[in-house]
Structures are given as structure tokens and as C-alpha cells.
PDB file of N, CA and C in Angstrom:
ATOM      1  N   MET A   1     168.635 -31.528  73.181  1.00  0.00           N
ATOM      2  CA  MET A   1     169.882 -31.066  72.632  1.00  0.00           C
ATOM      3  C   MET A   1     170.893 -32.201  72.753  1.00  0.00           C
ATOM      4  N   SER A   2     171.459 -32.627  71.667  1.00  0.00           N
ATOM      5  CA  SER A   2     172.460 -33.678  71.734  1.00  0.00           C
ATOM      6  C   SER A   2     173.845 -33.060  71.692  1.00  0.00           C
ATOM      7  N   LEU A   3     174.724 -33.598  72.500  1.00  0.00           N
ATOM      8  CA  LEU A   3     176.076 -33.073  72.579  1.00  0.00           C
ATOM      9  C   LEU A   3     176.985 -33.799  71.609  1.00  0.00           C
ATOM     10  N   SER A   4     178.025 -33.132  71.198  1.00  0.00           N
ATOM     11  CA  SER A   4     178.982 -33.723  70.301  1.00  0.00           C
ATOM     12  C   SER A   4     180.385 -33.349  70.725  1.00  0.00           C
ATOM     13  N   ASN A   5     181.287 -34.254  70.564  1.00  0.00           N
ATOM     14  CA  ASN A   5     182.694 -33.957  70.754  1.00  0.00           C
ATOM     15  C   ASN A   5     183.391 -33.853  69.407  1.00  0.00           C
ATOM     16  N   ASN A   6     182.608 -33.766  68.353  1.00  0.00           N
ATOM     17  CA  ASN A   6     183.183 -33.702  67.025  1.00  0.00           C
ATOM     18  C   ASN A   6     183.894 -32.375  66.811  1.00  0.00           C
ATOM     19  N   ILE A   7     185.133 -32.490  66.423  1.00  0.00           N
ATOM     20  CA  ILE A   7     185.940 -31.316  66.130  1.00  0.00           C
ATOM     21  C   ILE A   7     185.640 -30.905  64.693  1.00  0.00           C
ATOM     22  N   ILE A   8     185.532 -29.618  64.477  1.00  0.00           N
ATOM     23  CA  ILE A   8     185.267 -29.113  63.134  1.00  0.00           C
ATOM     24  C   ILE A   8     186.197 -27.938  62.880  1.00  0.00           C
ATOM     25  N   GLU A   9     186.657 -27.830  61.657  1.00  0.00           N
ATOM     26  CA  GLU A   9     187.545 -26.732  61.281  1.00  0.00           C
ATOM     27  C   GLU A   9     186.701 -25.504  60.977  1.00  0.00           C
ATOM     28  N   ILE A  10     186.778 -24.531  61.845  1.00  0.00           N
ATOM     29  CA  ILE A  10     186.059 -23.274  61.658  1.00  0.00           C
ATOM     30  C   ILE A  10     187.090 -22.220  61.293  1.00  0.00           C
ATOM     31  N   ASP A  11     186.974 -21.699  60.090  1.00  0.00           N
ATOM     32  CA  ASP A  11     187.873 -20.635  59.671  1.00  0.00           C
ATOM     33  C   ASP A  11     187.036 -19.492  59.090  1.00  0.00           C
ATOM     34  N   GLU A  12     187.703 -18.456  58.660  1.00  0.00           N
ATOM     35  CA  GLU A  12     187.017 -17.275  58.147  1.00  0.00           C
ATOM     36  C   GLU A  12     186.130 -17.608  56.951  1.00  0.00           C
ATOM     37  N   GLU A  13     186.593 -18.467  56.067  1.00  0.00           N
ATOM     38  CA  GLU A  13     185.811 -18.843  54.888  1.00  0.00           C
ATOM     39  C   GLU A  13     184.525 -19.581  55.287  1.00  0.00           C
ATOM     40  N   PHE A  14     184.618 -20.515  56.231  1.00  0.00           N
ATOM     41  CA  PHE A  14     183.458 -21.256  56.718  1.00  0.00           C
ATOM     42  C   PHE A  14     182.426 -20.293  57.310  1.00  0.00           C
ATOM     43  N   ILE A  15     182.888 -19.361  58.140  1.00  0.00           N
ATOM     44  CA  ILE A  15     181.990 -18.393  58.784  1.00  0.00           C
ATOM     45  C   ILE A  15     181.338 -17.493  57.746  1.00  0.00           C
ATOM     46  N   GLU A  16     182.108 -17.004  56.786  1.00  0.00           N
ATOM     47  CA  GLU A  16     181.538 -16.129  55.756  1.00  0.00           C
ATOM     48  C   GLU A  16     180.501 -16.852  54.903  1.00  0.00           C
ATOM     49  N   LYS A  17     180.713 -18.137  54.629  1.00  0.00           N
ATOM     50  CA  LYS A  17     179.716 -18.913  53.878  1.00  0.00           C
ATOM     51  C   LYS A  17     178.415 -19.023  54.672  1.00  0.00           C
ATOM     52  N   LYS A  18     178.510 -19.246  55.974  1.00  0.00           N
ATOM     53  CA  LYS A  18     177.316 -19.336  56.822  1.00  0.00           C
ATOM     54  C   LYS A  18     176.587 -17.994  56.873  1.00  0.00           C
ATOM     55  N   ILE A  19     177.343 -16.909  56.973  1.00  0.00           N
ATOM     56  CA  ILE A  19     176.731 -15.573  56.991  1.00  0.00           C
ATOM     57  C   ILE A  19     176.060 -15.287  55.651  1.00  0.00           C
ATOM     58  N   ASN A  20     176.715 -15.629  54.561  1.00  0.00           N
ATOM     59  CA  ASN A  20     176.159 -15.413  53.223  1.00  0.00           C
ATOM     60  C   ASN A  20     174.857 -16.193  53.035  1.00  0.00           C
ATOM     61  N   ARG A  21     174.814 -17.454  53.495  1.00  0.00           N
ATOM     62  CA  ARG A  21     173.577 -18.257  53.409  1.00  0.00           C
ATOM     63  C   ARG A  21     172.444 -17.590  54.191  1.00  0.00           C
ATOM     64  N   ALA A  22     172.766 -17.090  55.371  1.00  0.00           N
ATOM     65  CA  ALA A  22     171.743 -16.424  56.185  1.00  0.00           C
ATOM     66  C   ALA A  22     171.294 -15.123  55.519  1.00  0.00           C
ATOM     67  N   TYR A  23     172.228 -14.393  54.964  1.00  0.00           N
ATOM     68  CA  TYR A  23     171.902 -13.132  54.298  1.00  0.00           C
ATOM     69  C   TYR A  23     170.952 -13.369  53.119  1.00  0.00           C
ATOM     70  N   CYS A  24     171.169 -14.453  52.395  1.00  0.00           N
ATOM     71  CA  CYS A  24     170.330 -14.783  51.228  1.00  0.00           C
ATOM     72  C   CYS A  24     169.007 -15.429  51.612  1.00  0.00           C
ATOM     73  N   GLY A  25     168.817 -15.743  52.901  1.00  0.00           N
ATOM     74  CA  GLY A  25     167.568 -16.332  53.355  1.00  0.00           C
ATOM     75  C   GLY A  25     167.537 -17.851  53.286  1.00  0.00           C
ATOM     76  N   LEU A  26     168.662 -18.490  52.977  1.00  0.00           N
ATOM     77  CA  LEU A  26     168.715 -19.950  52.894  1.00  0.00           C
ATOM     78  C   LEU A  26     168.785 -20.602  54.277  1.00  0.00           C
ATOM     79  N   SER A  27     169.207 -19.837  55.267  1.00  0.00           N
ATOM     80  CA  SER A  27     169.259 -20.284  56.661  1.00  0.00           C
ATOM     81  C   SER A  27     169.257 -19.032  57.530  1.00  0.00           C
ATOM     82  N   SER A  28     169.574 -19.183  58.779  1.00  0.00           N
ATOM     83  CA  SER A  28     169.731 -18.013  59.655  1.00  0.00           C
ATOM     84  C   SER A  28     170.964 -18.247  60.508  1.00  0.00           C
ATOM     85  N   ILE A  29     171.480 -17.173  61.077  1.00  0.00           N
ATOM     86  CA  ILE A  29     172.643 -17.272  61.959  1.00  0.00           C
ATOM     87  C   ILE A  29     172.364 -16.425  63.198  1.00  0.00           C
ATOM     88  N   LYS A  30     172.793 -16.943  64.335  1.00  0.00           N
ATOM     89  CA  LYS A  30     172.540 -16.275  65.606  1.00  0.00           C
ATOM     90  C   LYS A  30     173.796 -16.377  66.475  1.00  0.00           C
ATOM     91  N   VAL A  31     174.179 -15.262  67.088  1.00  0.00           N
ATOM     92  CA  VAL A  31     175.314 -15.224  68.013  1.00  0.00           C
ATOM     93  C   VAL A  31     174.783 -14.739  69.351  1.00  0.00           C
ATOM     94  N   MET A  32     175.151 -15.444  70.421  1.00  0.00           N
ATOM     95  CA  MET A  32     174.694 -15.062  71.761  1.00  0.00           C
ATOM     96  C   MET A  32     175.908 -14.790  72.648  1.00  0.00           C
ATOM     97  N   ASN A  33     175.741 -13.833  73.588  1.00  0.00           N
ATOM     98  CA  ASN A  33     176.850 -13.602  74.502  1.00  0.00           C
ATOM     99  C   ASN A  33     176.687 -14.392  75.787  1.00  0.00           C
ATOM    100  N   ASP A  34     175.547 -14.281  76.448  1.00  0.00           N
ATOM    101  CA  ASP A  34     175.353 -14.992  77.714  1.00  0.00           C
ATOM    102  C   ASP A  34     173.998 -15.677  77.781  1.00  0.00           C
ATOM    103  N   GLY A  35     173.367 -15.836  76.648  1.00  0.00           N
ATOM    104  CA  GLY A  35     172.067 -16.472  76.615  1.00  0.00           C
ATOM    105  C   GLY A  35     170.903 -15.498  76.691  1.00  0.00           C
ATOM    106  N   ILE A  36     171.181 -14.245  77.032  1.00  0.00           N
ATOM    107  CA  ILE A  36     170.129 -13.240  77.143  1.00  0.00           C
ATOM    108  C   ILE A  36     170.148 -12.311  75.931  1.00  0.00           C
ATOM    109  N   TYR A  37     171.307 -11.851  75.544  1.00  0.00           N
ATOM    110  CA  TYR A  37     171.449 -10.912  74.435  1.00  0.00           C
ATOM    111  C   TYR A  37     171.957 -11.658  73.209  1.00  0.00           C
ATOM    112  N   TYR A  38     171.467 -11.249  72.048  1.00  0.00           N
ATOM    113  CA  TYR A  38     171.847 -11.951  70.831  1.00  0.00           C
ATOM    114  C   TYR A  38     171.770 -11.045  69.609  1.00  0.00           C
ATOM    115  N   ALA A  39     172.393 -11.511  68.535  1.00  0.00           N
ATOM    116  CA  ALA A  39     172.273 -10.900  67.213  1.00  0.00           C
ATOM    117  C   ALA A  39     171.840 -12.011  66.262  1.00  0.00           C
ATOM    118  N   HIS A  40     170.973 -11.674  65.324  1.00  0.00           N
ATOM    119  CA  HIS A  40     170.378 -12.658  64.426  1.00  0.00           C
ATOM    120  C   HIS A  40     170.350 -12.073  63.016  1.00  0.00           C
ATOM    121  N   LEU A  41     170.582 -12.918  62.015  1.00  0.00           N
ATOM    122  CA  LEU A  41     170.527 -12.484  60.623  1.00  0.00           C
ATOM    123  C   LEU A  41     169.778 -13.518  59.796  1.00  0.00           C
ATOM    124  N   LYS A  42     168.812 -13.037  59.031  1.00  0.00           N
ATOM    125  CA  LYS A  42     168.124 -13.886  58.058  1.00  0.00           C
ATOM    126  C   LYS A  42     167.502 -13.001  56.989  1.00  0.00           C
ATOM    127  N   ASN A  43     167.745 -13.363  55.732  1.00  0.00           N
ATOM    128  CA  ASN A  43     167.144 -12.686  54.583  1.00  0.00           C
ATOM    129  C   ASN A  43     167.354 -11.168  54.612  1.00  0.00           C
ATOM    130  N   LYS A  44     168.606 -10.749  54.828  1.00  0.00           N
ATOM    131  CA  LYS A  44     169.038  -9.345  54.836  1.00  0.00           C
ATOM    132  C   LYS A  44     168.594  -8.562  56.067  1.00  0.00           C
ATOM    133  N   ILE A  45     167.861  -9.196  56.985  1.00  0.00           N
ATOM    134  CA  ILE A  45     167.374  -8.504  58.186  1.00  0.00           C
ATOM    135  C   ILE A  45     168.261  -8.866  59.377  1.00  0.00           C
ATOM    136  N   TYR A  46     168.846  -7.848  59.965  1.00  0.00           N
ATOM    137  CA  TYR A  46     169.690  -7.979  61.143  1.00  0.00           C
ATOM    138  C   TYR A  46     168.856  -7.594  62.359  1.00  0.00           C
ATOM    139  N   SER A  47     168.807  -8.456  63.350  1.00  0.00           N
ATOM    140  CA  SER A  47     168.076  -8.181  64.586  1.00  0.00           C
ATOM    141  C   SER A  47     169.045  -8.286  65.751  1.00  0.00           C
ATOM    142  N   TYR A  48     168.809  -7.458  66.743  1.00  0.00           N
ATOM    143  CA  TYR A  48     169.681  -7.429  67.913  1.00  0.00           C
ATOM    144  C   TYR A  48     168.838  -7.199  69.161  1.00  0.00           C
ATOM    145  N   ARG A  49     169.130  -7.939  70.200  1.00  0.00           N
ATOM    146  CA  ARG A  49     168.509  -7.699  71.504  1.00  0.00           C
ATOM    147  C   ARG A  49     169.646  -7.491  72.490  1.00  0.00           C
ATOM    148  N   GLY A  50     169.641  -6.340  73.140  1.00  0.00           N
ATOM    149  CA  GLY A  50     170.725  -6.019  74.062  1.00  0.00           C
ATOM    150  C   GLY A  50     170.266  -5.139  75.200  1.00  0.00           C
ATOM    151  N   ILE A  51     171.224  -4.648  75.939  1.00  0.00           N
ATOM    152  CA  ILE A  51     170.949  -3.800  77.098  1.00  0.00           C
ATOM    153  C   ILE A  51     170.158  -2.562  76.689  1.00  0.00           C
ATOM    154  N   GLY A  52     170.507  -1.987  75.553  1.00  0.00           N
ATOM    155  CA  GLY A  52     169.852  -0.774  75.080  1.00  0.00           C
ATOM    156  C   GLY A  52     168.505  -1.006  74.430  1.00  0.00           C
ATOM    157  N   GLY A  53     168.031  -2.227  74.385  1.00  0.00           N
ATOM    158  CA  GLY A  53     166.746  -2.531  73.765  1.00  0.00           C
ATOM    159  C   GLY A  53     166.910  -3.386  72.530  1.00  0.00           C
ATOM    160  N   ASP A  54     165.849  -3.445  71.746  1.00  0.00           N
ATOM    161  CA  ASP A  54     165.826  -4.277  70.547  1.00  0.00           C
ATOM    162  C   ASP A  54     166.019  -3.413  69.306  1.00  0.00           C
ATOM    163  N   TYR A  55     166.592  -4.017  68.275  1.00  0.00           N
ATOM    164  CA  TYR A  55     166.785  -3.344  66.999  1.00  0.00           C
ATOM    165  C   TYR A  55     166.549  -4.359  65.883  1.00  0.00           C
ATOM    166  N   SER A  56     165.987  -3.913  64.791  1.00  0.00           N
ATOM    167  CA  SER A  56     165.833  -4.750  63.620  1.00  0.00           C
ATOM    168  C   SER A  56     165.858  -3.864  62.379  1.00  0.00           C
ATOM    169  N   GLY A  57     166.587  -4.285  61.359  1.00  0.00           N
ATOM    170  CA  GLY A  57     166.644  -3.514  60.129  1.00  0.00           C
ATOM    171  C   GLY A  57     167.479  -4.210  59.074  1.00  0.00           C
ATOM    172  N   LYS A  58     167.409  -3.716  57.841  1.00  0.00           N
ATOM    173  CA  LYS A  58     168.176  -4.293  56.743  1.00  0.00           C
ATOM    174  C   LYS A  58     169.627  -3.852  56.829  1.00  0.00           C
ATOM    175  N   ARG A  59     170.507  -4.755  56.436  1.00  0.00           N
ATOM    176  CA  ARG A  59     171.934  -4.490  56.373  1.00  0.00           C
ATOM    177  C   ARG A  59     172.469  -5.001  55.049  1.00  0.00           C
ATOM    178  N   SER A  60     173.547  -4.406  54.586  1.00  0.00           N
ATOM    179  CA  SER A  60     174.207  -4.906  53.373  1.00  0.00           C
ATOM    180  C   SER A  60     174.968  -6.182  53.719  1.00  0.00           C
ATOM    181  N   LEU A  61     175.330  -6.931  52.693  1.00  0.00           N
ATOM    182  CA  LEU A  61     176.107  -8.147  52.917  1.00  0.00           C
ATOM    183  C   LEU A  61     177.442  -7.804  53.565  1.00  0.00           C
ATOM    184  N   ARG A  62     178.084  -6.766  53.083  1.00  0.00           N
ATOM    185  CA  ARG A  62     179.383  -6.350  53.640  1.00  0.00           C
ATOM    186  C   ARG A  62     179.272  -6.005  55.124  1.00  0.00           C
ATOM    187  N   ALA A  63     178.240  -5.246  55.490  1.00  0.00           N
ATOM    188  CA  ALA A  63     178.025  -4.889  56.901  1.00  0.00           C
ATOM    189  C   ALA A  63     177.704  -6.130  57.729  1.00  0.00           C
ATOM    190  N   SER A  64     176.904  -7.026  57.178  1.00  0.00           N
ATOM    191  CA  SER A  64     176.539  -8.254  57.896  1.00  0.00           C
ATOM    192  C   SER A  64     177.756  -9.116  58.173  1.00  0.00           C
ATOM    193  N   ILE A  65     178.620  -9.263  57.185  1.00  0.00           N
ATOM    194  CA  ILE A  65     179.842 -10.040  57.377  1.00  0.00           C
ATOM    195  C   ILE A  65     180.714  -9.399  58.450  1.00  0.00           C
ATOM    196  N   SER A  66     180.851  -8.092  58.396  1.00  0.00           N
ATOM    197  CA  SER A  66     181.660  -7.380  59.388  1.00  0.00           C
ATOM    198  C   SER A  66     181.087  -7.538  60.799  1.00  0.00           C
ATOM    199  N   ILE A  67     179.788  -7.356  60.932  1.00  0.00           N
ATOM    200  CA  ILE A  67     179.125  -7.466  62.243  1.00  0.00           C
ATOM    201  C   ILE A  67     179.278  -8.878  62.802  1.00  0.00           C
ATOM    202  N   PHE A  68     178.933  -9.870  62.006  1.00  0.00           N
ATOM    203  CA  PHE A  68     178.892 -11.236  62.526  1.00  0.00           C
ATOM    204  C   PHE A  68     180.272 -11.862  62.699  1.00  0.00           C
ATOM    205  N   THR A  69     181.230 -11.549  61.842  1.00  0.00           N
ATOM    206  CA  THR A  69     182.581 -12.069  62.087  1.00  0.00           C
ATOM    207  C   THR A  69     183.156 -11.460  63.357  1.00  0.00           C
ATOM    208  N   GLY A  70     182.869 -10.193  63.607  1.00  0.00           N
ATOM    209  CA  GLY A  70     183.316  -9.553  64.846  1.00  0.00           C
ATOM    210  C   GLY A  70     182.675 -10.168  66.075  1.00  0.00           C
ATOM    211  N   LEU A  71     181.365 -10.419  66.010  1.00  0.00           N
ATOM    212  CA  LEU A  71     180.663 -11.032  67.148  1.00  0.00           C
ATOM    213  C   LEU A  71     181.135 -12.466  67.397  1.00  0.00           C
ATOM    214  N   ILE A  72     181.308 -13.225  66.330  1.00  0.00           N
ATOM    215  CA  ILE A  72     181.775 -14.609  66.485  1.00  0.00           C
ATOM    216  C   ILE A  72     183.189 -14.633  67.043  1.00  0.00           C
ATOM    217  N   ASP A  73     184.034 -13.734  66.590  1.00  0.00           N
ATOM    218  CA  ASP A  73     185.394 -13.646  67.123  1.00  0.00           C
ATOM    219  C   ASP A  73     185.388 -13.295  68.610  1.00  0.00           C
ATOM    220  N   ARG A  74     184.462 -12.449  68.997  1.00  0.00           N
ATOM    221  CA  ARG A  74     184.391 -12.021  70.405  1.00  0.00           C
ATOM    222  C   ARG A  74     183.754 -13.071  71.315  1.00  0.00           C
ATOM    223  N   TYR A  75     182.607 -13.623  70.896  1.00  0.00           N
ATOM    224  CA  TYR A  75     181.846 -14.524  71.774  1.00  0.00           C
ATOM    225  C   TYR A  75     182.109 -16.010  71.518  1.00  0.00           C
ATOM    226  N   LYS A  76     182.790 -16.339  70.438  1.00  0.00           N
ATOM    227  CA  LYS A  76     183.221 -17.711  70.154  1.00  0.00           C
ATOM    228  C   LYS A  76     182.080 -18.714  70.076  1.00  0.00           C
ATOM    229  N   ASN A  77     180.935 -18.296  69.518  1.00  0.00           N
ATOM    230  CA  ASN A  77     179.831 -19.224  69.302  1.00  0.00           C
ATOM    231  C   ASN A  77     178.892 -18.659  68.251  1.00  0.00           C
ATOM    232  N   PHE A  78     178.171 -19.556  67.581  1.00  0.00           N
ATOM    233  CA  PHE A  78     177.084 -19.155  66.697  1.00  0.00           C
ATOM    234  C   PHE A  78     176.225 -20.368  66.390  1.00  0.00           C
ATOM    235  N   GLU A  79     174.967 -20.102  66.039  1.00  0.00           N
ATOM    236  CA  GLU A  79     174.030 -21.143  65.634  1.00  0.00           C
ATOM    237  C   GLU A  79     173.660 -20.920  64.179  1.00  0.00           C
ATOM    238  N   CYS A  80     173.633 -22.023  63.426  1.00  0.00           N
ATOM    239  CA  CYS A  80     173.241 -21.968  62.021  1.00  0.00           C
ATOM    240  C   CYS A  80     172.804 -23.365  61.605  1.00  0.00           C
ATOM    241  N   ASP A  81     171.684 -23.476  60.891  1.00  0.00           N
ATOM    242  CA  ASP A  81     171.191 -24.765  60.387  1.00  0.00           C
ATOM    243  C   ASP A  81     171.015 -25.797  61.501  1.00  0.00           C
ATOM    244  N   ASP A  82     170.446 -25.377  62.629  1.00  0.00           N
ATOM    245  CA  ASP A  82     170.186 -26.252  63.780  1.00  0.00           C
ATOM    246  C   ASP A  82     171.452 -26.839  64.406  1.00  0.00           C
ATOM    247  N   ILE A  83     172.576 -26.183  64.204  1.00  0.00           N
ATOM    248  CA  ILE A  83     173.841 -26.589  64.811  1.00  0.00           C
ATOM    249  C   ILE A  83     174.405 -25.391  65.579  1.00  0.00           C
ATOM    250  N   ARG A  84     174.831 -25.655  66.819  1.00  0.00           N
ATOM    251  CA  ARG A  84     175.517 -24.631  67.611  1.00  0.00           C
ATOM    252  C   ARG A  84     177.004 -24.939  67.546  1.00  0.00           C
ATOM    253  N   TYR A  85     177.776 -23.995  67.029  1.00  0.00           N
ATOM    254  CA  TYR A  85     179.231 -24.101  66.967  1.00  0.00           C
ATOM    255  C   TYR A  85     179.796 -23.280  68.117  1.00  0.00           C
ATOM    256  N   TYR A  86     180.750 -23.827  68.837  1.00  0.00           N
ATOM    257  CA  TYR A  86     181.330 -23.089  69.965  1.00  0.00           C
ATOM    258  C   TYR A  86     182.794 -23.465  70.125  1.00  0.00           C
ATOM    259  N   PHE A  87     183.558 -22.506  70.616  1.00  0.00           N
ATOM    260  CA  PHE A  87     184.988 -22.702  70.800  1.00  0.00           C
ATOM    261  C   PHE A  87     185.250 -23.144  72.224  1.00  0.00           C
ATOM    262  N   ASN A  88     185.944 -24.256  72.386  1.00  0.00           N
ATOM    263  CA  ASN A  88     186.312 -24.763  73.703  1.00  0.00           C
ATOM    264  C   ASN A  88     187.680 -24.196  74.062  1.00  0.00           C
ATOM    265  N   ASP A  89     187.689 -23.229  74.990  1.00  0.00           N
ATOM    266  CA  ASP A  89     188.938 -22.561  75.372  1.00  0.00           C
ATOM    267  C   ASP A  89     189.948 -23.516  75.994  1.00  0.00           C
ATOM    268  N   HIS A  90     189.479 -24.495  76.741  1.00  0.00           N
ATOM    269  CA  HIS A  90     190.396 -25.422  77.419  1.00  0.00           C
ATOM    270  C   HIS A  90     191.137 -26.313  76.431  1.00  0.00           C
ATOM    271  N   LYS A  91     190.437 -26.727  75.373  1.00  0.00           N
ATOM    272  CA  LYS A  91     191.051 -27.603  74.377  1.00  0.00           C
ATOM    273  C   LYS A  91     191.620 -26.836  73.191  1.00  0.00           C
ATOM    274  N   GLY A  92     191.160 -25.583  73.016  1.00  0.00           N
ATOM    275  CA  GLY A  92     191.629 -24.773  71.891  1.00  0.00           C
ATOM    276  C   GLY A  92     191.081 -25.213  70.551  1.00  0.00           C
ATOM    277  N   ILE A  93     189.849 -25.769  70.557  1.00  0.00           N
ATOM    278  CA  ILE A  93     189.242 -26.272  69.322  1.00  0.00           C
ATOM    279  C   ILE A  93     187.775 -25.862  69.244  1.00  0.00           C
ATOM    280  N   TRP A  94     187.241 -25.864  68.013  1.00  0.00           N
ATOM    281  CA  TRP A  94     185.819 -25.640  67.785  1.00  0.00           C
ATOM    282  C   TRP A  94     185.093 -26.969  67.883  1.00  0.00           C
ATOM    283  N   LEU A  95     183.946 -26.980  68.542  1.00  0.00           N
ATOM    284  CA  LEU A  95     183.074 -28.145  68.654  1.00  0.00           C
ATOM    285  C   LEU A  95     181.688 -27.761  68.166  1.00  0.00           C
ATOM    286  N   TRP A  96     180.809 -28.741  68.047  1.00  0.00           N
ATOM    287  CA  TRP A  96     179.430 -28.444  67.628  1.00  0.00           C
ATOM    288  C   TRP A  96     178.463 -29.358  68.365  1.00  0.00           C
ATOM    289  N   GLN A  97     177.203 -28.903  68.401  1.00  0.00           N
ATOM    290  CA  GLN A  97     176.127 -29.726  68.953  1.00  0.00           C
ATOM    291  C   GLN A  97     174.836 -29.353  68.247  1.00  0.00           C
ATOM    292  N   GLU A  98     173.945 -30.334  68.102  1.00  0.00           N
ATOM    293  CA  GLU A  98     172.637 -30.093  67.506  1.00  0.00           C
ATOM    294  C   GLU A  98     171.756 -29.322  68.485  1.00  0.00           C
ATOM    295  N   VAL A  99     170.955 -28.414  67.946  1.00  0.00           N
ATOM    296  CA  VAL A  99     169.950 -27.714  68.743  1.00  0.00           C
ATOM    297  C   VAL A  99     168.629 -27.808  68.008  1.00  0.00           C
ATOM    298  N   ARG A 100     167.741 -28.591  68.534  1.00  0.00           N
ATOM    299  CA  ARG A 100     166.420 -28.770  67.894  1.00  0.00           C
ATOM    300  C   ARG A 100     165.338 -28.588  68.898  1.00  0.00           C
TER     301      ARG A 100
END
């Protein structure tokens, strides 16, 4: 995993484009809370692993955008296209790093 200090502008439009790409199957998107539980989207299939167990099923684009924008807003991180985007609370900026 290579680290980066590169600042990137993450806004609602950027996030929705990433979710849309994952929904269409062009990539995938994953949000994690503490490294154990996560939500994943690829090709209209939403998967979740949490305290209550695992879930997987189809979701509409509208539902997927709502779910993932809410999770990203709450947990301040997501992975898409082999890049992990995360919010640095101390600096108040979004950063990224490669995950391969």
C-alpha cells in the first residue's frame, strides 16, 4: 500500500459519479467503518457485513446513492478503482492512497 499526501477535492458530484460507476459495473465501491464491517456495491448488487450478519441484494440507483453518500458522510472513507479516499480530521482535507 503506498501512501499519498495528495489532496483531492471530494464533493457530492465526485462521490455520486463513483457510486454510479460502481452501480453500472464499471468499478466497485466499498465503505468501511473500523475495518471489520463494510458495505460494497458493484453491478447493482449491494452487499453489507455487519453486527447483524451479512446481506446481499439488488438496489436501485437512487437507493444506492442514498446509502453510500450517507455511509461516506458518516465514516469519511471509501475505496474505488484501487484508491482509498479518506478524510483527515486534523487537516480538514480529503487524501488518497493506492490499495493494491
